[in-house]
C-alpha atoms as a PDB file:
ATOM      1  CA  UNK A   1       0.000   0.000   0.000  1.00  0.00           C
ATOM      2  CA  UNK A   2       1.363   3.405  -0.907  1.00  0.00           C
ATOM      3  CA  UNK A   3       2.010   5.841   1.936  1.00  0.00           C
ATOM      4  CA  UNK A   4      -0.152   8.462   0.282  1.00  0.00           C
ATOM      5  CA  UNK A   5      -3.112   6.088  -0.011  1.00  0.00           C
ATOM      6  CA  UNK A   6      -5.874   6.868   2.453  1.00  0.00           C
ATOM      7  CA  UNK A   7      -7.081   4.090   4.695  1.00  0.00           C
ATOM      8  CA  UNK A   8     -10.443   5.738   5.167  1.00  0.00           C
ATOM      9  CA  UNK A   9     -12.389   8.632   3.732  1.00  0.00           C
ATOM     10  CA  UNK A  10     -13.709  11.471   5.903  1.00  0.00           C
ATOM     11  CA  UNK A  11     -16.819  13.267   4.734  1.00  0.00           C
ATOM     12  CA  UNK A  12     -16.058  16.880   5.614  1.00  0.00           C
ATOM     13  CA  UNK A  13     -19.262  18.214   4.078  1.00  0.00           C
ATOM     14  CA  UNK A  14     -21.175  17.426   7.283  1.00  0.00           C
ATOM     15  CA  UNK A  15     -18.533  19.028   9.499  1.00  0.00           C
ATOM     16  CA  UNK A  16     -17.828  22.515   8.186  1.00  0.00           C
ATOM     17  CA  UNK A  17     -14.590  24.132   9.257  1.00  0.00           C
ATOM     18  CA  UNK A  18     -15.251  26.826  11.881  1.00  0.00           C
ATOM     19  CA  UNK A  19     -14.723  30.370  10.713  1.00  0.00           C
ATOM     20  CA  UNK A  20     -12.574  32.249  13.266  1.00  0.00           C
ATOM     21  CA  UNK A  21     -14.052  35.549  12.091  1.00  0.00           C
ATOM     22  CA  UNK A  22     -17.668  34.436  12.437  1.00  0.00           C
ATOM     23  CA  UNK A  23     -19.522  36.114  15.259  1.00  0.00           C
ATOM     24  CA  UNK A  24     -22.509  34.869  17.209  1.00  0.00           C
ATOM     25  CA  UNK A  25     -25.230  36.979  18.725  1.00  0.00           C
ATOM     26  CA  UNK A  26     -25.675  36.520  22.475  1.00  0.00           C
ATOM     27  CA  UNK A  27     -27.982  38.809  24.432  1.00  0.00           C
ATOM     28  CA  UNK A  28     -27.874  41.331  21.606  1.00  0.00           C
ATOM     29  CA  UNK A  29     -24.077  41.434  21.689  1.00  0.00           C
ATOM     30  CA  UNK A  30     -21.743  39.951  19.072  1.00  0.00           C
ATOM     31  CA  UNK A  31     -19.077  37.642  20.454  1.00  0.00           C
ATOM     32  CA  UNK A  32     -16.071  36.531  18.458  1.00  0.00           C
ATOM     33  CA  UNK A  33     -15.190  32.860  18.170  1.00  0.00           C
ATOM     34  CA  UNK A  34     -12.267  33.560  20.511  1.00  0.00           C
ATOM     35  CA  UNK A  35     -14.531  34.984  23.221  1.00  0.00           C
ATOM     36  CA  UNK A  36     -16.944  32.072  22.873  1.00  0.00           C
ATOM     37  CA  UNK A  37     -14.013  29.682  23.344  1.00  0.00           C
ATOM     38  CA  UNK A  38     -12.829  31.611  26.391  1.00  0.00           C
ATOM     39  CA  UNK A  39     -16.325  31.509  27.918  1.00  0.00           C
ATOM     40  CA  UNK A  40     -16.392  27.748  27.323  1.00  0.00           C
ATOM     41  CA  UNK A  41     -13.064  27.416  29.156  1.00  0.00           C
ATOM     42  CA  UNK A  42     -14.333  29.610  31.985  1.00  0.00           C
ATOM     43  CA  UNK A  43     -17.450  27.451  32.369  1.00  0.00           C
ATOM     44  CA  UNK A  44     -15.386  24.264  32.272  1.00  0.00           C
ATOM     45  CA  UNK A  45     -13.190  25.514  35.077  1.00  0.00           C
ATOM     46  CA  UNK A  46     -16.270  26.474  37.084  1.00  0.00           C
ATOM     47  CA  UNK A  47     -17.503  22.881  36.781  1.00  0.00           C
ATOM     48  CA  UNK A  48     -14.248  21.552  38.241  1.00  0.00           C
ATOM     49  CA  UNK A  49     -13.356  24.204  40.837  1.00  0.00           C
ATOM     50  CA  UNK A  50     -15.991  25.010  43.482  1.00  0.00           C
ATOM     51  CA  UNK A  51     -14.269  28.195  44.733  1.00  0.00           C
ATOM     52  CA  UNK A  52     -13.925  29.481  41.175  1.00  0.00           C
ATOM     53  CA  UNK A  53     -17.590  28.647  40.552  1.00  0.00           C
ATOM     54  CA  UNK A  54     -18.620  30.682  43.615  1.00  0.00           C
ATOM     55  CA  UNK A  55     -16.531  33.628  42.409  1.00  0.00           C
ATOM     56  CA  UNK A  56     -18.227  33.370  39.015  1.00  0.00           C
ATOM     57  CA  UNK A  57     -21.844  32.839  40.045  1.00  0.00           C
ATOM     58  CA  UNK A  58     -22.100  34.491  43.465  1.00  0.00           C
ATOM     59  CA  UNK A  59     -19.723  37.470  43.335  1.00  0.00           C
ATOM     60  CA  UNK A  60     -19.298  37.890  39.539  1.00  0.00           C
ATOM     61  CA  UNK A  61     -15.638  38.718  40.101  1.00  0.00           C
ATOM     62  CA  UNK A  62     -14.483  40.815  37.126  1.00  0.00           C
ATOM     63  CA  UNK A  63     -10.915  39.631  37.751  1.00  0.00           C
ATOM     64  CA  UNK A  64     -11.797  36.156  36.493  1.00  0.00           C
ATOM     65  CA  UNK A  65     -13.405  37.603  33.369  1.00  0.00           C
ATOM     66  CA  UNK A  66     -10.262  39.642  32.710  1.00  0.00           C
ATOM     67  CA  UNK A  67      -8.114  36.537  33.345  1.00  0.00           C
ATOM     68  CA  UNK A  68      -9.793  34.914  30.344  1.00  0.00           C
ATOM     69  CA  UNK A  69      -9.191  37.945  28.142  1.00  0.00           C
ATOM     70  CA  UNK A  70     -12.846  38.918  27.724  1.00  0.00           C
ATOM     71  CA  UNK A  71     -13.663  42.409  26.500  1.00  0.00           C
ATOM     72  CA  UNK A  72     -15.032  44.964  28.972  1.00  0.00           C
ATOM     73  CA  UNK A  73     -18.439  44.768  27.247  1.00  0.00           C
ATOM     74  CA  UNK A  74     -18.540  40.982  27.618  1.00  0.00           C
ATOM     75  CA  UNK A  75     -17.427  41.253  31.243  1.00  0.00           C
ATOM     76  CA  UNK A  76     -20.259  43.693  31.958  1.00  0.00           C
ATOM     77  CA  UNK A  77     -22.763  41.434  30.215  1.00  0.00           C
ATOM     78  CA  UNK A  78     -21.622  38.335  32.143  1.00  0.00           C
ATOM     79  CA  UNK A  79     -21.667  40.237  35.432  1.00  0.00           C
ATOM     80  CA  UNK A  80     -25.258  41.334  34.766  1.00  0.00           C
ATOM     81  CA  UNK A  81     -26.626  37.786  34.386  1.00  0.00           C
ATOM     82  CA  UNK A  82     -29.108  36.901  37.127  1.00  0.00           C
ATOM     83  CA  UNK A  83     -28.520  33.295  38.205  1.00  0.00           C
ATOM     84  CA  UNK A  84     -28.624  31.369  41.469  1.00  0.00           C
ATOM     85  CA  UNK A  85     -26.319  28.553  40.321  1.00  0.00           C
ATOM     86  CA  UNK A  86     -23.990  27.512  37.518  1.00  0.00           C
ATOM     87  CA  UNK A  87     -26.757  25.770  35.578  1.00  0.00           C
ATOM     88  CA  UNK A  88     -28.867  28.945  35.452  1.00  0.00           C
ATOM     89  CA  UNK A  89     -25.777  30.961  34.542  1.00  0.00           C
ATOM     90  CA  UNK A  90     -24.989  28.616  31.644  1.00  0.00           C
ATOM     91  CA  UNK A  91     -28.603  28.698  30.433  1.00  0.00           C
ATOM     92  CA  UNK A  92     -28.553  32.498  30.409  1.00  0.00           C
ATOM     93  CA  UNK A  93     -25.332  32.518  28.392  1.00  0.00           C
ATOM     94  CA  UNK A  94     -26.590  30.075  25.799  1.00  0.00           C
ATOM     95  CA  UNK A  95     -30.213  31.284  25.623  1.00  0.00           C
ATOM     96  CA  UNK A  96     -29.703  33.540  22.604  1.00  0.00           C
ATOM     97  CA  UNK A  97     -27.156  31.253  20.956  1.00  0.00           C
ATOM     98  CA  UNK A  98     -29.543  28.294  20.496  1.00  0.00           C
ATOM     99  CA  UNK A  99     -31.027  28.183  17.024  1.00  0.00           C
END
């Protein structure tokens, strides 16, 4: 078998390549793909670290938003979300992004 011969074929038509310049509308505000990725990382850390989760959900510590490189507008938006727990916080973030 030749080295260049493929062992399997991947259908890429069903998995479009993400556009790094594409923006999504969340709560009337456009977020870049980078900011969406950073918010995903922030939420993942909140799932694993209870103290971090409390800082995110209870106190809305702007320092953690800045740590993830989020814009001041995004930080203000995230700090304004009304949620009693991480699940409600996540629902509020994704509410406008679900199509």
